[in-house]
């Protein structure tokens, strides 16, 4: 019994912390259900670029060829912004 006191102490601490976690989670969910979530419009350069792309592709005045050219230009720009994909493409070019 003397050898197991540390196990009993640690187990009781873990149980208390788990109960505190459960109580805090329940309280937070109750608080969230009583308040209304106000969604804010996303900002920043990424959001602005996505809005611009969306406006370009929903514009009926642009032809299909123009939209295809814009799509390719945007795809190339996004590929350049993503460093992981560009390193993979560079390795594939060197291997191939």
N, C-alpha and C. Protein backbone atom coordinates (compact mmCIF):
# COMPACT_ATOMS: atom_id res chain seq x y z
N UNK A 1 0.82 -1.19 0.00
CA UNK A 1 0.00 0.00 0.00
C UNK A 1 0.86 1.26 0.00
N UNK A 2 1.98 1.22 0.68
CA UNK A 2 2.86 2.37 0.73
C UNK A 2 3.48 2.67 -0.63
N UNK A 3 3.71 1.65 -1.40
CA UNK A 3 4.35 1.84 -2.70
C UNK A 3 3.40 2.45 -3.73
N UNK A 4 2.11 2.34 -3.50
CA UNK A 4 1.13 2.82 -4.47
C UNK A 4 0.58 4.19 -4.15
N UNK A 5 1.10 4.88 -3.15
CA UNK A 5 0.55 6.19 -2.80
C UNK A 5 0.75 7.20 -3.93
N UNK A 6 1.88 7.12 -4.61
CA UNK A 6 2.10 8.06 -5.71
C UNK A 6 1.10 7.84 -6.84
N UNK A 7 0.73 6.60 -7.08
CA UNK A 7 -0.26 6.31 -8.13
C UNK A 7 -1.62 6.85 -7.72
N UNK A 8 -1.98 6.69 -6.46
CA UNK A 8 -3.26 7.22 -5.98
C UNK A 8 -3.31 8.74 -6.07
N UNK A 9 -2.23 9.39 -5.71
CA UNK A 9 -2.17 10.86 -5.75
C UNK A 9 -2.27 11.34 -7.19
N UNK A 10 -1.48 10.76 -8.07
CA UNK A 10 -1.52 11.18 -9.47
C UNK A 10 -2.87 10.89 -10.12
N UNK A 11 -3.45 9.77 -9.80
CA UNK A 11 -4.76 9.43 -10.35
C UNK A 11 -5.82 10.41 -9.87
N UNK A 12 -5.77 10.77 -8.60
CA UNK A 12 -6.75 11.73 -8.07
C UNK A 12 -6.56 13.11 -8.71
N UNK A 13 -5.32 13.51 -8.95
CA UNK A 13 -5.06 14.79 -9.61
C UNK A 13 -5.61 14.77 -11.04
N UNK A 14 -5.38 13.68 -11.76
CA UNK A 14 -5.88 13.57 -13.13
C UNK A 14 -7.41 13.58 -13.16
N UNK A 15 -8.03 12.90 -12.22
CA UNK A 15 -9.49 12.88 -12.17
C UNK A 15 -10.05 14.27 -11.89
N UNK A 16 -9.44 14.98 -10.95
CA UNK A 16 -9.89 16.34 -10.64
C UNK A 16 -9.73 17.24 -11.85
N UNK A 17 -8.59 17.17 -12.52
CA UNK A 17 -8.37 18.00 -13.70
C UNK A 17 -9.35 17.65 -14.83
N UNK A 18 -9.65 16.39 -14.99
CA UNK A 18 -10.60 15.97 -16.01
C UNK A 18 -11.99 16.50 -15.69
N UNK A 19 -12.40 16.44 -14.43
CA UNK A 19 -13.70 16.99 -14.04
C UNK A 19 -13.75 18.50 -14.26
N UNK A 20 -12.67 19.20 -13.94
CA UNK A 20 -12.61 20.64 -14.19
C UNK A 20 -12.75 20.93 -15.69
N UNK A 21 -12.10 20.14 -16.51
CA UNK A 21 -12.21 20.30 -17.96
C UNK A 21 -13.64 20.09 -18.43
N UNK A 22 -14.29 19.05 -17.93
CA UNK A 22 -15.68 18.78 -18.34
C UNK A 22 -16.60 19.90 -17.91
N UNK A 23 -16.45 20.38 -16.70
CA UNK A 23 -17.30 21.47 -16.20
C UNK A 23 -17.07 22.74 -17.01
N UNK A 24 -15.82 23.07 -17.29
CA UNK A 24 -15.52 24.27 -18.07
C UNK A 24 -16.07 24.16 -19.48
N UNK A 25 -16.00 22.97 -20.07
CA UNK A 25 -16.52 22.76 -21.41
C UNK A 25 -18.04 22.92 -21.44
N UNK A 26 -18.72 22.36 -20.47
CA UNK A 26 -20.18 22.48 -20.41
C UNK A 26 -20.58 23.93 -20.21
N UNK A 27 -19.89 24.63 -19.34
CA UNK A 27 -20.20 26.06 -19.13
C UNK A 27 -19.98 26.86 -20.41
N UNK A 28 -18.90 26.58 -21.11
CA UNK A 28 -18.61 27.32 -22.34
C UNK A 28 -19.67 27.05 -23.40
N UNK A 29 -20.09 25.80 -23.54
CA UNK A 29 -21.14 25.49 -24.51
C UNK A 29 -22.46 26.16 -24.13
N UNK A 30 -22.77 26.21 -22.85
CA UNK A 30 -23.98 26.91 -22.41
C UNK A 30 -23.90 28.39 -22.71
N UNK A 31 -22.73 28.99 -22.49
CA UNK A 31 -22.55 30.41 -22.79
C UNK A 31 -22.64 30.66 -24.29
N UNK A 32 -22.12 29.75 -25.08
CA UNK A 32 -22.17 29.91 -26.54
C UNK A 32 -23.60 29.78 -27.05
N UNK A 33 -24.38 28.92 -26.45
CA UNK A 33 -25.76 28.73 -26.92
C UNK A 33 -26.63 29.92 -26.57
N UNK A 34 -26.29 30.66 -25.53
CA UNK A 34 -27.11 31.80 -25.14
C UNK A 34 -26.72 33.08 -25.88
N UNK A 35 -25.53 33.14 -26.44
CA UNK A 35 -25.12 34.33 -27.19
C UNK A 35 -25.14 34.04 -28.67
N UNK A 36 -25.49 35.06 -29.44
CA UNK A 36 -25.55 34.91 -30.89
C UNK A 36 -24.18 35.22 -31.48
N UNK A 37 -23.76 34.37 -32.38
CA UNK A 37 -22.46 34.55 -33.04
C UNK A 37 -22.61 35.55 -34.17
N UNK A 38 -21.78 36.57 -34.17
CA UNK A 38 -21.80 37.58 -35.21
C UNK A 38 -20.62 37.31 -36.13
N UNK A 39 -20.93 36.92 -37.34
CA UNK A 39 -19.87 36.59 -38.29
C UNK A 39 -19.36 37.88 -38.93
N UNK A 40 -18.07 38.07 -38.85
CA UNK A 40 -17.45 39.24 -39.45
C UNK A 40 -16.91 38.88 -40.81
N UNK A 41 -16.90 39.87 -41.68
CA UNK A 41 -16.39 39.63 -43.02
C UNK A 41 -14.87 39.49 -42.96
N UNK A 42 -14.37 38.49 -43.64
CA UNK A 42 -12.94 38.22 -43.62
C UNK A 42 -12.21 39.35 -44.35
N UNK A 43 -11.07 39.73 -43.83
CA UNK A 43 -10.28 40.80 -44.44
C UNK A 43 -8.88 40.32 -44.77
N UNK A 44 -8.12 41.19 -45.34
CA UNK A 44 -6.74 40.86 -45.66
C UNK A 44 -6.54 40.62 -47.14
N UNK A 45 -5.30 40.47 -47.56
CA UNK A 45 -5.00 40.33 -48.98
C UNK A 45 -5.56 39.04 -49.58
N UNK A 46 -5.56 37.97 -48.83
CA UNK A 46 -6.06 36.70 -49.35
C UNK A 46 -7.56 36.80 -49.64
N UNK A 47 -8.30 37.39 -48.69
CA UNK A 47 -9.74 37.52 -48.87
C UNK A 47 -10.06 38.44 -50.04
N UNK A 48 -9.30 39.52 -50.17
CA UNK A 48 -9.53 40.44 -51.28
C UNK A 48 -9.25 39.76 -52.63
N UNK A 49 -8.20 38.94 -52.69
CA UNK A 49 -7.88 38.23 -53.93
C UNK A 49 -9.00 37.25 -54.28
N UNK A 50 -9.52 36.54 -53.28
CA UNK A 50 -10.60 35.60 -53.55
C UNK A 50 -11.87 36.31 -54.01
N UNK A 51 -12.16 37.47 -53.43
CA UNK A 51 -13.32 38.25 -53.88
C UNK A 51 -13.14 38.71 -55.33
N UNK A 52 -11.94 39.17 -55.65
CA UNK A 52 -11.66 39.62 -57.02
C UNK A 52 -11.82 38.47 -58.00
N UNK A 53 -11.27 37.32 -57.66
CA UNK A 53 -11.38 36.15 -58.54
C UNK A 53 -12.85 35.76 -58.71
N UNK A 54 -13.59 35.79 -57.62
CA UNK A 54 -15.01 35.47 -57.70
C UNK A 54 -15.76 36.43 -58.59
N UNK A 55 -15.45 37.71 -58.49
CA UNK A 55 -16.11 38.71 -59.35
C UNK A 55 -15.73 38.51 -60.81
N UNK A 56 -14.47 38.16 -61.06
CA UNK A 56 -14.05 37.96 -62.45
C UNK A 56 -14.77 36.79 -63.10
N UNK A 57 -14.92 35.71 -62.37
CA UNK A 57 -15.52 34.51 -62.97
C UNK A 57 -17.04 34.55 -63.00
N UNK A 58 -17.64 35.45 -62.24
CA UNK A 58 -19.10 35.59 -62.33
C UNK A 58 -19.50 36.68 -63.30
N UNK A 59 -18.53 37.40 -63.83
CA UNK A 59 -18.82 38.47 -64.78
C UNK A 59 -19.15 37.85 -66.14
N UNK A 60 -20.37 38.10 -66.62
CA UNK A 60 -20.80 37.52 -67.89
C UNK A 60 -20.23 38.25 -69.10
N UNK A 61 -19.66 39.43 -68.89
CA UNK A 61 -19.10 40.19 -70.00
C UNK A 61 -17.78 39.61 -70.50
N UNK A 62 -17.12 38.81 -69.68
CA UNK A 62 -15.85 38.20 -70.08
C UNK A 62 -16.12 36.93 -70.87
N UNK A 63 -15.32 36.70 -71.89
CA UNK A 63 -15.46 35.50 -72.69
C UNK A 63 -14.81 34.30 -72.03
N UNK A 64 -15.09 33.12 -72.59
CA UNK A 64 -14.53 31.89 -72.02
C UNK A 64 -13.02 31.85 -72.14
N UNK A 65 -12.48 32.36 -73.24
CA UNK A 65 -11.02 32.36 -73.44
C UNK A 65 -10.36 33.28 -72.41
N UNK A 66 -10.96 34.43 -72.17
CA UNK A 66 -10.41 35.36 -71.19
C UNK A 66 -10.44 34.76 -69.80
N UNK A 67 -11.54 34.08 -69.46
CA UNK A 67 -11.63 33.43 -68.15
C UNK A 67 -10.60 32.32 -68.01
N UNK A 68 -10.35 31.57 -69.09
CA UNK A 68 -9.34 30.51 -69.05
C UNK A 68 -7.94 31.11 -68.85
N UNK A 69 -7.65 32.22 -69.53
CA UNK A 69 -6.36 32.89 -69.37
C UNK A 69 -6.19 33.40 -67.94
N UNK A 70 -7.27 33.99 -67.39
CA UNK A 70 -7.21 34.48 -66.01
C UNK A 70 -7.01 33.33 -65.04
N UNK A 71 -7.69 32.22 -65.30
CA UNK A 71 -7.57 31.05 -64.43
C UNK A 71 -6.14 30.54 -64.41
N UNK A 72 -5.51 30.48 -65.58
CA UNK A 72 -4.12 30.02 -65.64
C UNK A 72 -3.18 30.99 -64.94
N UNK A 73 -3.43 32.29 -65.11
CA UNK A 73 -2.58 33.29 -64.46
C UNK A 73 -2.70 33.21 -62.94
N UNK A 74 -3.93 33.04 -62.47
CA UNK A 74 -4.15 32.94 -61.03
C UNK A 74 -3.53 31.66 -60.49
N UNK A 75 -3.66 30.57 -61.23
CA UNK A 75 -3.08 29.30 -60.79
C UNK A 75 -1.57 29.41 -60.68
N UNK A 76 -0.94 30.06 -61.66
CA UNK A 76 0.51 30.24 -61.60
C UNK A 76 0.91 31.12 -60.42
N UNK A 77 0.13 32.17 -60.15
CA UNK A 77 0.44 33.05 -59.03
C UNK A 77 0.31 32.32 -57.70
N UNK A 78 -0.72 31.50 -57.58
CA UNK A 78 -0.92 30.74 -56.34
C UNK A 78 0.20 29.71 -56.17
N UNK A 79 0.61 29.07 -57.26
CA UNK A 79 1.71 28.11 -57.18
C UNK A 79 3.00 28.77 -56.74
N UNK A 80 3.23 30.00 -57.17
CA UNK A 80 4.43 30.72 -56.75
C UNK A 80 4.37 31.10 -55.28
N UNK A 81 3.16 31.36 -54.77
CA UNK A 81 3.03 31.75 -53.37
C UNK A 81 3.20 30.58 -52.42
N UNK A 82 2.94 29.38 -52.88
CA UNK A 82 3.02 28.19 -52.03
C UNK A 82 4.42 27.59 -52.14
N UNK A 83 5.28 27.80 -51.15
CA UNK A 83 6.67 27.34 -51.27
C UNK A 83 6.82 25.82 -51.27
N UNK A 84 5.91 25.10 -50.62
CA UNK A 84 6.03 23.64 -50.59
C UNK A 84 5.82 23.06 -51.97
N UNK A 85 4.82 23.54 -52.68
CA UNK A 85 4.55 23.01 -54.01
C UNK A 85 5.66 23.39 -54.99
N UNK A 86 6.22 24.59 -54.85
CA UNK A 86 7.25 25.01 -55.79
C UNK A 86 8.52 24.18 -55.61
N UNK A 87 8.85 23.79 -54.37
CA UNK A 87 10.03 22.95 -54.17
C UNK A 87 9.79 21.56 -54.74
N UNK A 88 8.58 21.04 -54.61
CA UNK A 88 8.27 19.74 -55.18
C UNK A 88 8.34 19.79 -56.70
N UNK A 89 7.83 20.87 -57.30
CA UNK A 89 7.87 21.00 -58.74
C UNK A 89 9.31 21.14 -59.22
N UNK A 90 10.13 21.87 -58.45
CA UNK A 90 11.53 22.02 -58.82
C UNK A 90 12.26 20.69 -58.78
N UNK A 91 11.95 19.86 -57.80
CA UNK A 91 12.57 18.54 -57.71
C UNK A 91 12.10 17.65 -58.85
N UNK A 92 10.83 17.76 -59.22
CA UNK A 92 10.33 16.94 -60.32
C UNK A 92 10.98 17.34 -61.64
N UNK A 93 11.19 18.64 -61.81
CA UNK A 93 11.83 19.12 -63.05
C UNK A 93 13.29 18.62 -63.13
N UNK A 94 13.97 18.61 -61.97
CA UNK A 94 15.36 18.16 -61.97
C UNK A 94 15.44 16.66 -62.23
N UNK A 95 14.50 15.90 -61.68
CA UNK A 95 14.51 14.46 -61.87
C UNK A 95 14.09 14.08 -63.29
N UNK A 96 13.17 14.84 -63.86
CA UNK A 96 12.61 14.50 -65.17
C UNK A 96 13.38 14.98 -66.31
